[in-house]
Structures are given as C-alpha cells and as structure tokens.
Amino acid sequence: MSESAGYHRVTIAETGESFQCSDTESALSALARSGKRGIPVGCRGGGCGVCKVAILSGDFRKRAMSRSHITEEDEARHHVLACCIYPQSDIQVHVIGKLQKAIHR
C-alpha cells in the first residue's frame, strides 16, 4: 500500500462489525486481511457473484464485474461485488451474496 493511500472504515450492516480498508484495496481483500468474516468469499475476481453486497452509504470506485452477476440495474441500486470495489470514504454494506455450496478442502 502506498503512503498516500487513504483508509476508510467498512461496516457490515447485519453485524455492525467493521474493518479498515485502504482506498487502493478491495473491500473483500481488506476483510480477509483483517481476519474477520461477514461477506462470503468466492473467486475474488468478480466472476462468481458470491460476495455481492448493497452499498448503503459512502463513496467507492469499482472495476469490471461479471454482467451475469451484476446487471446495469444492480449497479444503479449500488449492488456490487465486494471483491471489485475500493472505498473512497467510510462505507456501510448489506450482504446479499451467499455461498452456493459448501467447499471442503
């Protein structure tokens, strides 16, 4: 992370749990780095839709997301993938995504 990176608080509405996120790091990466849970984790690349959240408040920038999981209508309602958003202010999210099946390793 660069020295000029800003840090913002990401709060999960369902639990009230929060974690710090650099504006150069995806919300999902910051969640994993913090060791906390609350947003389901899938491919981490925007292709599976497992980490879908609704942004309730705050500003963010985003990168490309699979249209099979995030439609233009979803984006208009601030439904995005946590692996593809970069907070630009404190944000609050509501978790929409769910794991489709248990993963055993």
PDB file of N, CA and C in Angstrom:
ATOM      1  N   MET A   1       0.836  -1.179   0.000  1.00  0.00           N
ATOM      2  CA  MET A   1       0.000   0.000   0.000  1.00  0.00           C
ATOM      3  C   MET A   1       0.879   1.239   0.000  1.00  0.00           C
ATOM      4  N   SER A   2       0.471   2.191  -0.766  1.00  0.00           N
ATOM      5  CA  SER A   2       1.279   3.398  -0.848  1.00  0.00           C
ATOM      6  C   SER A   2       1.081   4.274   0.375  1.00  0.00           C
ATOM      7  N   GLU A   3       2.068   5.133   0.622  1.00  0.00           N
ATOM      8  CA  GLU A   3       1.984   6.035   1.768  1.00  0.00           C
ATOM      9  C   GLU A   3       0.848   7.027   1.616  1.00  0.00           C
ATOM     10  N   SER A   4       0.468   7.339   0.382  1.00  0.00           N
ATOM     11  CA  SER A   4      -0.586   8.323   0.167  1.00  0.00           C
ATOM     12  C   SER A   4      -1.985   7.717   0.223  1.00  0.00           C
ATOM     13  N   ALA A   5      -2.061   6.403   0.388  1.00  0.00           N
ATOM     14  CA  ALA A   5      -3.368   5.752   0.424  1.00  0.00           C
ATOM     15  C   ALA A   5      -4.175   6.229   1.623  1.00  0.00           C
ATOM     16  N   GLY A   6      -5.458   6.486   1.368  1.00  0.00           N
ATOM     17  CA  GLY A   6      -6.358   6.840   2.454  1.00  0.00           C
ATOM     18  C   GLY A   6      -6.984   5.575   3.019  1.00  0.00           C
ATOM     19  N   TYR A   7      -7.356   5.611   4.270  1.00  0.00           N
ATOM     20  CA  TYR A   7      -8.000   4.462   4.902  1.00  0.00           C
ATOM     21  C   TYR A   7      -9.422   4.831   5.283  1.00  0.00           C
ATOM     22  N   HIS A   8     -10.305   3.864   5.097  1.00  0.00           N
ATOM     23  CA  HIS A   8     -11.718   4.079   5.354  1.00  0.00           C
ATOM     24  C   HIS A   8     -12.275   2.884   6.117  1.00  0.00           C
ATOM     25  N   ARG A   9     -13.349   3.116   6.837  1.00  0.00           N
ATOM     26  CA  ARG A   9     -13.997   2.066   7.609  1.00  0.00           C
ATOM     27  C   ARG A   9     -15.118   1.460   6.776  1.00  0.00           C
ATOM     28  N   VAL A  10     -15.114   0.116   6.700  1.00  0.00           N
ATOM     29  CA  VAL A  10     -16.185  -0.631   6.053  1.00  0.00           C
ATOM     30  C   VAL A  10     -16.982  -1.296   7.172  1.00  0.00           C
ATOM     31  N   THR A  11     -18.280  -1.032   7.225  1.00  0.00           N
ATOM     32  CA  THR A  11     -19.138  -1.604   8.264  1.00  0.00           C
ATOM     33  C   THR A  11     -20.159  -2.526   7.616  1.00  0.00           C
ATOM     34  N   ILE A  12     -20.299  -3.729   8.182  1.00  0.00           N
ATOM     35  CA  ILE A  12     -21.290  -4.695   7.709  1.00  0.00           C
ATOM     36  C   ILE A  12     -22.573  -4.448   8.497  1.00  0.00           C
ATOM     37  N   ALA A  13     -23.634  -4.047   7.808  1.00  0.00           N
ATOM     38  CA  ALA A  13     -24.873  -3.624   8.466  1.00  0.00           C
ATOM     39  C   ALA A  13     -25.479  -4.721   9.341  1.00  0.00           C
ATOM     40  N   GLU A  14     -25.421  -5.955   8.894  1.00  0.00           N
ATOM     41  CA  GLU A  14     -26.072  -7.047   9.622  1.00  0.00           C
ATOM     42  C   GLU A  14     -25.477  -7.274  11.001  1.00  0.00           C
ATOM     43  N   THR A  15     -24.177  -7.087  11.123  1.00  0.00           N
ATOM     44  CA  THR A  15     -23.492  -7.423  12.378  1.00  0.00           C
ATOM     45  C   THR A  15     -22.939  -6.207  13.108  1.00  0.00           C
ATOM     46  N   GLY A  16     -22.806  -5.097  12.405  1.00  0.00           N
ATOM     47  CA  GLY A  16     -22.177  -3.916  12.997  1.00  0.00           C
ATOM     48  C   GLY A  16     -20.666  -4.021  13.044  1.00  0.00           C
ATOM     49  N   GLU A  17     -20.133  -5.158  12.609  1.00  0.00           N
ATOM     50  CA  GLU A  17     -18.682  -5.354  12.593  1.00  0.00           C
ATOM     51  C   GLU A  17     -18.066  -4.464  11.517  1.00  0.00           C
ATOM     52  N   SER A  18     -16.870  -3.954  11.789  1.00  0.00           N
ATOM     53  CA  SER A  18     -16.219  -3.087  10.814  1.00  0.00           C
ATOM     54  C   SER A  18     -14.732  -3.386  10.748  1.00  0.00           C
ATOM     55  N   PHE A  19     -14.115  -2.910   9.666  1.00  0.00           N
ATOM     56  CA  PHE A  19     -12.687  -3.097   9.449  1.00  0.00           C
ATOM     57  C   PHE A  19     -12.178  -1.948   8.599  1.00  0.00           C
ATOM     58  N   GLN A  20     -10.875  -1.723   8.649  1.00  0.00           N
ATOM     59  CA  GLN A  20     -10.230  -0.655   7.880  1.00  0.00           C
ATOM     60  C   GLN A  20      -9.886  -1.159   6.482  1.00  0.00           C
ATOM     61  N   CYS A  21     -10.013  -0.270   5.513  1.00  0.00           N
ATOM     62  CA  CYS A  21      -9.700  -0.609   4.130  1.00  0.00           C
ATOM     63  C   CYS A  21      -9.007   0.571   3.467  1.00  0.00           C
ATOM     64  N   SER A  22      -7.902   0.303   2.821  1.00  0.00           N
ATOM     65  CA  SER A  22      -7.204   1.324   2.038  1.00  0.00           C
ATOM     66  C   SER A  22      -8.016   1.624   0.787  1.00  0.00           C
ATOM     67  N   ASP A  23      -7.906   2.839   0.277  1.00  0.00           N
ATOM     68  CA  ASP A  23      -8.631   3.147  -0.957  1.00  0.00           C
ATOM     69  C   ASP A  23      -7.995   2.501  -2.185  1.00  0.00           C
ATOM     70  N   THR A  24      -6.889   1.781  -1.996  1.00  0.00           N
ATOM     71  CA  THR A  24      -6.254   1.049  -3.089  1.00  0.00           C
ATOM     72  C   THR A  24      -6.468  -0.460  -2.962  1.00  0.00           C
ATOM     73  N   GLU A  25      -7.281  -0.891  -1.997  1.00  0.00           N
ATOM     74  CA  GLU A  25      -7.514  -2.307  -1.707  1.00  0.00           C
ATOM     75  C   GLU A  25      -9.009  -2.590  -1.830  1.00  0.00           C
ATOM     76  N   SER A  26      -9.356  -3.753  -2.377  1.00  0.00           N
ATOM     77  CA  SER A  26     -10.780  -4.078  -2.458  1.00  0.00           C
ATOM     78  C   SER A  26     -11.331  -4.339  -1.059  1.00  0.00           C
ATOM     79  N   ALA A  27     -12.617  -4.093  -0.902  1.00  0.00           N
ATOM     80  CA  ALA A  27     -13.256  -4.317   0.398  1.00  0.00           C
ATOM     81  C   ALA A  27     -13.105  -5.773   0.827  1.00  0.00           C
ATOM     82  N   LEU A  28     -13.206  -6.711  -0.115  1.00  0.00           N
ATOM     83  CA  LEU A  28     -13.089  -8.127   0.235  1.00  0.00           C
ATOM     84  C   LEU A  28     -11.669  -8.475   0.669  1.00  0.00           C
ATOM     85  N   SER A  29     -10.659  -7.931   0.002  1.00  0.00           N
ATOM     86  CA  SER A  29      -9.265  -8.172   0.405  1.00  0.00           C
ATOM     87  C   SER A  29      -8.999  -7.633   1.801  1.00  0.00           C
ATOM     88  N   ALA A  30      -9.538  -6.451   2.100  1.00  0.00           N
ATOM     89  CA  ALA A  30      -9.348  -5.859   3.425  1.00  0.00           C
ATOM     90  C   ALA A  30     -10.026  -6.696   4.496  1.00  0.00           C
ATOM     91  N   LEU A  31     -11.207  -7.235   4.183  1.00  0.00           N
ATOM     92  CA  LEU A  31     -11.905  -8.111   5.128  1.00  0.00           C
ATOM     93  C   LEU A  31     -11.038  -9.325   5.443  1.00  0.00           C
ATOM     94  N   ALA A  32     -10.504  -9.971   4.411  1.00  0.00           N
ATOM     95  CA  ALA A  32      -9.657 -11.148   4.609  1.00  0.00           C
ATOM     96  C   ALA A  32      -8.403 -10.790   5.404  1.00  0.00           C
ATOM     97  N   ARG A  33      -7.789  -9.663   5.071  1.00  0.00           N
ATOM     98  CA  ARG A  33      -6.578  -9.235   5.780  1.00  0.00           C
ATOM     99  C   ARG A  33      -6.856  -8.989   7.255  1.00  0.00           C
ATOM    100  N   SER A  34      -8.041  -8.488   7.568  1.00  0.00           N
ATOM    101  CA  SER A  34      -8.389  -8.183   8.960  1.00  0.00           C
ATOM    102  C   SER A  34      -8.673  -9.441   9.777  1.00  0.00           C
ATOM    103  N   GLY A  35      -8.865 -10.570   9.092  1.00  0.00           N
ATOM    104  CA  GLY A  35      -9.170 -11.813   9.793  1.00  0.00           C
ATOM    105  C   GLY A  35     -10.630 -11.923  10.206  1.00  0.00           C
ATOM    106  N   LYS A  36     -11.447 -10.991   9.750  1.00  0.00           N
ATOM    107  CA  LYS A  36     -12.869 -11.010  10.106  1.00  0.00           C
ATOM    108  C   LYS A  36     -13.668 -11.716   9.027  1.00  0.00           C
ATOM    109  N   ARG A  37     -14.900 -12.037   9.374  1.00  0.00           N
ATOM    110  CA  ARG A  37     -15.819 -12.670   8.427  1.00  0.00           C
ATOM    111  C   ARG A  37     -17.046 -11.797   8.287  1.00  0.00           C
ATOM    112  N   GLY A  38     -17.919 -12.152   7.419  1.00  0.00           N
ATOM    113  CA  GLY A  38     -19.155 -11.402   7.271  1.00  0.00           C
ATOM    114  C   GLY A  38     -19.621 -11.289   5.835  1.00  0.00           C
ATOM    115  N   ILE A  39     -18.669 -11.329   4.900  1.00  0.00           N
ATOM    116  CA  ILE A  39     -19.002 -11.312   3.479  1.00  0.00           C
ATOM    117  C   ILE A  39     -18.505 -12.634   2.900  1.00  0.00           C
ATOM    118  N   PRO A  40     -19.375 -13.405   2.228  1.00  0.00           N
ATOM    119  CA  PRO A  40     -18.926 -14.669   1.639  1.00  0.00           C
ATOM    120  C   PRO A  40     -17.803 -14.440   0.623  1.00  0.00           C
ATOM    121  N   VAL A  41     -16.868 -15.373   0.571  1.00  0.00           N
ATOM    122  CA  VAL A  41     -15.712 -15.269  -0.323  1.00  0.00           C
ATOM    123  C   VAL A  41     -15.791 -16.373  -1.371  1.00  0.00           C
ATOM    124  N   GLY A  42     -15.640 -15.990  -2.627  1.00  0.00           N
ATOM    125  CA  GLY A  42     -15.637 -16.954  -3.715  1.00  0.00           C
ATOM    126  C   GLY A  42     -14.355 -16.838  -4.512  1.00  0.00           C
ATOM    127  N   CYS A  43     -14.482 -16.467  -5.785  1.00  0.00           N
ATOM    128  CA  CYS A  43     -13.337 -16.449  -6.701  1.00  0.00           C
ATOM    129  C   CYS A  43     -12.397 -15.266  -6.490  1.00  0.00           C
ATOM    130  N   ARG A  44     -12.857 -14.203  -5.850  1.00  0.00           N
ATOM    131  CA  ARG A  44     -12.086 -12.982  -5.597  1.00  0.00           C
ATOM    132  C   ARG A  44     -11.743 -12.198  -6.865  1.00  0.00           C
ATOM    133  N   GLY A  45     -12.375 -12.550  -7.983  1.00  0.00           N
ATOM    134  CA  GLY A  45     -12.048 -11.878  -9.233  1.00  0.00           C
ATOM    135  C   GLY A  45     -13.229 -11.262  -9.963  1.00  0.00           C
ATOM    136  N   GLY A  46     -14.399 -11.246  -9.352  1.00  0.00           N
ATOM    137  CA  GLY A  46     -15.562 -10.628  -9.978  1.00  0.00           C
ATOM    138  C   GLY A  46     -16.378 -11.541 -10.862  1.00  0.00           C
ATOM    139  N   GLY A  47     -16.079 -12.839 -10.864  1.00  0.00           N
ATOM    140  CA  GLY A  47     -16.763 -13.744 -11.774  1.00  0.00           C
ATOM    141  C   GLY A  47     -17.834 -14.633 -11.188  1.00  0.00           C
ATOM    142  N   CYS A  48     -17.881 -14.782  -9.850  1.00  0.00           N
ATOM    143  CA  CYS A  48     -18.819 -15.762  -9.288  1.00  0.00           C
ATOM    144  C   CYS A  48     -20.046 -15.151  -8.619  1.00  0.00           C
ATOM    145  N   GLY A  49     -19.979 -13.917  -8.175  1.00  0.00           N
ATOM    146  CA  GLY A  49     -21.125 -13.262  -7.560  1.00  0.00           C
ATOM    147  C   GLY A  49     -21.357 -13.556  -6.094  1.00  0.00           C
ATOM    148  N   VAL A  50     -20.519 -14.377  -5.496  1.00  0.00           N
ATOM    149  CA  VAL A  50     -20.710 -14.786  -4.100  1.00  0.00           C
ATOM    150  C   VAL A  50     -20.608 -13.609  -3.135  1.00  0.00           C
ATOM    151  N   CYS A  51     -19.769 -12.646  -3.413  1.00  0.00           N
ATOM    152  CA  CYS A  51     -19.520 -11.535  -2.477  1.00  0.00           C
ATOM    153  C   CYS A  51     -20.402 -10.314  -2.757  1.00  0.00           C
ATOM    154  N   LYS A  52     -21.581 -10.532  -3.326  1.00  0.00           N
ATOM    155  CA  LYS A  52     -22.478  -9.424  -3.688  1.00  0.00           C
ATOM    156  C   LYS A  52     -22.961  -8.684  -2.441  1.00  0.00           C
ATOM    157  N   VAL A  53     -22.854  -7.362  -2.493  1.00  0.00           N
ATOM    158  CA  VAL A  53     -23.298  -6.500  -1.398  1.00  0.00           C
ATOM    159  C   VAL A  53     -24.059  -5.306  -1.969  1.00  0.00           C
ATOM    160  N   ALA A  54     -24.861  -4.690  -1.112  1.00  0.00           N
ATOM    161  CA  ALA A  54     -25.500  -3.417  -1.442  1.00  0.00           C
ATOM    162  C   ALA A  54     -24.782  -2.343  -0.649  1.00  0.00           C
ATOM    163  N   ILE A  55     -24.345  -1.293  -1.313  1.00  0.00           N
ATOM    164  CA  ILE A  55     -23.712  -0.168  -0.623  1.00  0.00           C
ATOM    165  C   ILE A  55     -24.832   0.713  -0.074  1.00  0.00           C
ATOM    166  N   LEU A  56     -24.921   0.799   1.249  1.00  0.00           N
ATOM    167  CA  LEU A  56     -25.968   1.588   1.896  1.00  0.00           C
ATOM    168  C   LEU A  56     -25.572   3.049   2.038  1.00  0.00           C
ATOM    169  N   SER A  57     -24.277   3.288   2.224  1.00  0.00           N
ATOM    170  CA  SER A  57     -23.789   4.665   2.326  1.00  0.00           C
ATOM    171  C   SER A  57     -22.310   4.695   2.007  1.00  0.00           C
ATOM    172  N   GLY A  58     -21.846   5.851   1.561  1.00  0.00           N
ATOM    173  CA  GLY A  58     -20.434   6.045   1.276  1.00  0.00           C
ATOM    174  C   GLY A  58     -20.119   6.034  -0.205  1.00  0.00           C
ATOM    175  N   ASP A  59     -18.884   6.425  -0.507  1.00  0.00           N
ATOM    176  CA  ASP A  59     -18.401   6.514  -1.882  1.00  0.00           C
ATOM    177  C   ASP A  59     -17.399   5.408  -2.157  1.00  0.00           C
ATOM    178  N   PHE A  60     -17.376   4.946  -3.392  1.00  0.00           N
ATOM    179  CA  PHE A  60     -16.470   3.868  -3.792  1.00  0.00           C
ATOM    180  C   PHE A  60     -16.203   3.987  -5.278  1.00  0.00           C
ATOM    181  N   ARG A  61     -15.105   3.366  -5.706  1.00  0.00           N
ATOM    182  CA  ARG A  61     -14.869   3.188  -7.137  1.00  0.00           C
ATOM    183  C   ARG A  61     -14.917   1.695  -7.393  1.00  0.00           C
ATOM    184  N   LYS A  62     -15.160   1.313  -8.619  1.00  0.00           N
ATOM    185  CA  LYS A  62     -15.318  -0.104  -8.920  1.00  0.00           C
ATOM    186  C   LYS A  62     -14.548  -0.480 -10.177  1.00  0.00           C
ATOM    187  N   ARG A  63     -14.267  -1.761 -10.293  1.00  0.00           N
ATOM    188  CA  ARG A  63     -13.689  -2.285 -11.524  1.00  0.00           C
ATOM    189  C   ARG A  63     -14.724  -3.193 -12.173  1.00  0.00           C
ATOM    190  N   ALA A  64     -14.419  -3.730 -13.322  1.00  0.00           N
ATOM    191  CA  ALA A  64     -15.372  -4.538 -14.080  1.00  0.00           C
ATOM    192  C   ALA A  64     -15.877  -5.728 -13.272  1.00  0.00           C
ATOM    193  N   MET A  65     -17.179  -5.987 -13.406  1.00  0.00           N
ATOM    194  CA  MET A  65     -17.824  -7.112 -12.737  1.00  0.00           C
ATOM    195  C   MET A  65     -18.617  -7.901 -13.774  1.00  0.00           C
ATOM    196  N   SER A  66     -18.762  -9.190 -13.563  1.00  0.00           N
ATOM    197  CA  SER A  66     -19.494 -10.050 -14.478  1.00  0.00           C
ATOM    198  C   SER A  66     -20.950  -9.601 -14.587  1.00  0.00           C
ATOM    199  N   ARG A  67     -21.424  -9.342 -15.809  1.00  0.00           N
ATOM    200  CA  ARG A  67     -22.818  -8.943 -16.026  1.00  0.00           C
ATOM    201  C   ARG A  67     -23.782 -10.085 -15.700  1.00  0.00           C
ATOM    202  N   SER A  68     -23.296 -11.308 -15.624  1.00  0.00           N
ATOM    203  CA  SER A  68     -24.187 -12.402 -15.235  1.00  0.00           C
ATOM    204  C   SER A  68     -24.509 -12.346 -13.741  1.00  0.00           C
ATOM    205  N   HIS A  69     -23.743 -11.569 -12.980  1.00  0.00           N
ATOM    206  CA  HIS A  69     -23.979 -11.440 -11.538  1.00  0.00           C
ATOM    207  C   HIS A  69     -24.378 -10.032 -11.125  1.00  0.00           C
ATOM    208  N   ILE A  70     -23.909  -9.028 -11.844  1.00  0.00           N
ATOM    209  CA  ILE A  70     -24.247  -7.630 -11.553  1.00  0.00           C
ATOM    210  C   ILE A  70     -24.762  -6.987 -12.841  1.00  0.00           C
ATOM    211  N   THR A  71     -26.063  -6.759 -12.887  1.00  0.00           N
ATOM    212  CA  THR A  71     -26.671  -6.135 -14.063  1.00  0.00           C
ATOM    213  C   THR A  71     -26.529  -4.615 -13.970  1.00  0.00           C
ATOM    214  N   GLU A  72     -26.865  -3.937 -15.040  1.00  0.00           N
ATOM    215  CA  GLU A  72     -26.858  -2.472 -15.007  1.00  0.00           C
ATOM    216  C   GLU A  72     -27.840  -1.957 -13.956  1.00  0.00           C
ATOM    217  N   GLU A  73     -28.972  -2.655 -13.816  1.00  0.00           N
ATOM    218  CA  GLU A  73     -29.959  -2.272 -12.798  1.00  0.00           C
ATOM    219  C   GLU A  73     -29.383  -2.450 -11.395  1.00  0.00           C
ATOM    220  N   ASP A  74     -28.643  -3.554 -11.186  1.00  0.00           N
ATOM    221  CA  ASP A  74     -27.974  -3.771  -9.895  1.00  0.00           C
ATOM    222  C   ASP A  74     -27.044  -2.602  -9.592  1.00  0.00           C
ATOM    223  N   GLU A  75     -26.220  -2.246 -10.564  1.00  0.00           N
ATOM    224  CA  GLU A  75     -25.271  -1.146 -10.351  1.00  0.00           C
ATOM    225  C   GLU A  75     -25.987   0.158 -10.028  1.00  0.00           C
ATOM    226  N   ALA A  76     -27.115   0.406 -10.681  1.00  0.00           N
ATOM    227  CA  ALA A  76     -27.876   1.628 -10.419  1.00  0.00           C
ATOM    228  C   ALA A  76     -28.383   1.664  -8.975  1.00  0.00           C
ATOM    229  N   ARG A  77     -28.614   0.472  -8.389  1.00  0.00           N
ATOM    230  CA  ARG A  77     -29.067   0.372  -6.989  1.00  0.00           C
ATOM    231  C   ARG A  77     -27.887   0.199  -6.032  1.00  0.00           C
ATOM    232  N   HIS A  78     -26.672   0.363  -6.526  1.00  0.00           N
ATOM    233  CA  HIS A  78     -25.439   0.202  -5.747  1.00  0.00           C
ATOM    234  C   HIS A  78     -25.257  -1.224  -5.234  1.00  0.00           C
ATOM    235  N   HIS A  79     -25.713  -2.214  -6.016  1.00  0.00           N
ATOM    236  CA  HIS A  79     -25.424  -3.614  -5.732  1.00  0.00           C
ATOM    237  C   HIS A  79     -24.161  -3.945  -6.516  1.00  0.00           C
ATOM    238  N   VAL A  80     -23.127  -4.381  -5.810  1.00  0.00           N
ATOM    239  CA  VAL A  80     -21.808  -4.590  -6.406  1.00  0.00           C
ATOM    240  C   VAL A  80     -21.159  -5.822  -5.788  1.00  0.00           C
ATOM    241  N   LEU A  81     -20.004  -6.196  -6.302  1.00  0.00           N
ATOM    242  CA  LEU A  81     -19.224  -7.295  -5.734  1.00  0.00           C
ATOM    243  C   LEU A  81     -18.132  -6.713  -4.853  1.00  0.00           C
ATOM    244  N   ALA A  82     -18.041  -7.198  -3.624  1.00  0.00           N
ATOM    245  CA  ALA A  82     -17.074  -6.658  -2.661  1.00  0.00           C
ATOM    246  C   ALA A  82     -15.635  -6.822  -3.135  1.00  0.00           C
ATOM    247  N   CYS A  83     -15.375  -7.813  -3.984  1.00  0.00           N
ATOM    248  CA  CYS A  83     -14.014  -8.010  -4.494  1.00  0.00           C
ATOM    249  C   CYS A  83     -13.643  -6.981  -5.557  1.00  0.00           C
ATOM    250  N   CYS A  84     -14.620  -6.211  -6.016  1.00  0.00           N
ATOM    251  CA  CYS A  84     -14.397  -5.266  -7.117  1.00  0.00           C
ATOM    252  C   CYS A  84     -14.624  -3.816  -6.730  1.00  0.00           C
ATOM    253  N   ILE A  85     -14.780  -3.534  -5.438  1.00  0.00           N
ATOM    254  CA  ILE A  85     -14.989  -2.144  -5.028  1.00  0.00           C
ATOM    255  C   ILE A  85     -13.865  -1.681  -4.118  1.00  0.00           C
ATOM    256  N   TYR A  86     -13.572  -0.396  -4.223  1.00  0.00           N
ATOM    257  CA  TYR A  86     -12.488   0.240  -3.485  1.00  0.00           C
ATOM    258  C   TYR A  86     -13.072   1.462  -2.780  1.00  0.00           C
ATOM    259  N   PRO A  87     -13.276   1.378  -1.454  1.00  0.00           N
ATOM    260  CA  PRO A  87     -13.884   2.501  -0.731  1.00  0.00           C
ATOM    261  C   PRO A  87     -13.091   3.791  -0.907  1.00  0.00           C
ATOM    262  N   GLN A  88     -13.820   4.888  -1.104  1.00  0.00           N
ATOM    263  CA  GLN A  88     -13.221   6.217  -1.205  1.00  0.00           C
ATOM    264  C   GLN A  88     -13.645   7.076  -0.020  1.00  0.00           C
ATOM    265  N   SER A  89     -14.478   6.496   0.850  1.00  0.00           N
ATOM    266  CA  SER A  89     -14.916   7.106   2.105  1.00  0.00           C
ATOM    267  C   SER A  89     -15.360   5.946   2.996  1.00  0.00           C
ATOM    268  N   ASP A  90     -15.771   6.221   4.219  1.00  0.00           N
ATOM    269  CA  ASP A  90     -16.355   5.165   5.041  1.00  0.00           C
ATOM    270  C   ASP A  90     -17.602   4.673   4.317  1.00  0.00           C
ATOM    271  N   ILE A  91     -17.793   3.344   4.294  1.00  0.00           N
ATOM    272  CA  ILE A  91     -18.977   2.784   3.648  1.00  0.00           C
ATOM    273  C   ILE A  91     -19.672   1.810   4.584  1.00  0.00           C
ATOM    274  N   GLN A  92     -20.955   1.615   4.337  1.00  0.00           N
ATOM    275  CA  GLN A  92     -21.729   0.601   5.042  1.00  0.00           C
ATOM    276  C   GLN A  92     -22.315  -0.313   3.979  1.00  0.00           C
ATOM    277  N   VAL A  93     -22.213  -1.630   4.199  1.00  0.00           N
ATOM    278  CA  VAL A  93     -22.698  -2.599   3.219  1.00  0.00           C
ATOM    279  C   VAL A  93     -23.721  -3.540   3.847  1.00  0.00           C
ATOM    280  N   HIS A  94     -24.638  -3.989   3.002  1.00  0.00           N
ATOM    281  CA  HIS A  94     -25.604  -5.028   3.359  1.00  0.00           C
ATOM    282  C   HIS A  94     -25.234  -6.234   2.505  1.00  0.00           C
ATOM    283  N   VAL A  95     -25.030  -7.394   3.125  1.00  0.00           N
ATOM    284  CA  VAL A  95     -24.593  -8.591   2.406  1.00  0.00           C
ATOM    285  C   VAL A  95     -25.783  -9.224   1.687  1.00  0.00           C
ATOM    286  N   ILE A  96     -25.612  -9.444   0.384  1.00  0.00           N
ATOM    287  CA  ILE A  96     -26.634 -10.089  -0.439  1.00  0.00           C
ATOM    288  C   ILE A  96     -26.188 -11.492  -0.831  1.00  0.00           C
ATOM    289  N   GLY A  97     -24.907 -11.648  -1.179  1.00  0.00           N
ATOM    290  CA  GLY A  97     -24.382 -12.908  -1.696  1.00  0.00           C
ATOM    291  C   GLY A  97     -24.381 -14.019  -0.671  1.00  0.00           C
ATOM    292  N   LYS A  98     -24.452 -15.240  -1.187  1.00  0.00           N
ATOM    293  CA  LYS A  98     -24.410 -16.425  -0.337  1.00  0.00           C
ATOM    294  C   LYS A  98     -23.593 -17.494  -1.052  1.00  0.00           C
ATOM    295  N   LEU A  99     -22.920 -18.314  -0.272  1.00  0.00           N
ATOM    296  CA  LEU A  99     -22.201 -19.433  -0.863  1.00  0.00           C
ATOM    297  C   LEU A  99     -23.217 -20.401  -1.449  1.00  0.00           C
ATOM    298  N   GLN A 100     -22.940 -20.901  -2.639  1.00  0.00           N
ATOM    299  CA  GLN A 100     -23.861 -21.812  -3.304  1.00  0.00           C
ATOM    300  C   GLN A 100     -23.791 -23.225  -2.735  1.00  0.00           C
ATOM    301  N   LYS A 101     -22.603 -23.649  -2.320  1.00  0.00           N
ATOM    302  CA  LYS A 101     -22.431 -24.976  -1.732  1.00  0.00           C
ATOM    303  C   LYS A 101     -21.217 -24.940  -0.831  1.00  0.00           C
ATOM    304  N   ALA A 102     -21.154 -25.870   0.074  1.00  0.00           N
ATOM    305  CA  ALA A 102     -20.019 -25.943   0.990  1.00  0.00           C
ATOM    306  C   ALA A 102     -18.766 -26.325   0.215  1.00  0.00           C
ATOM    307  N   ILE A 103     -17.665 -25.754   0.606  1.00  0.00           N
ATOM    308  CA  ILE A 103     -16.381 -26.067  -0.020  1.00  0.00           C
ATOM    309  C   ILE A 103     -15.550 -26.840   0.990  1.00  0.00           C
ATOM    310  N   HIS A 104     -15.126 -28.032   0.616  1.00  0.00           N
ATOM    311  CA  HIS A 104     -14.310 -28.865   1.506  1.00  0.00           C
ATOM    312  C   HIS A 104     -12.908 -28.955   0.941  1.00  0.00           C
ATOM    313  N   ARG A 105     -11.922 -28.771   1.795  1.00  0.00           N
ATOM    314  CA  ARG A 105     -10.524 -28.859   1.348  1.00  0.00           C
ATOM    315  C   ARG A 105      -9.786 -29.852   2.180  1.00  0.00           C
TER     316      ARG A 105
END
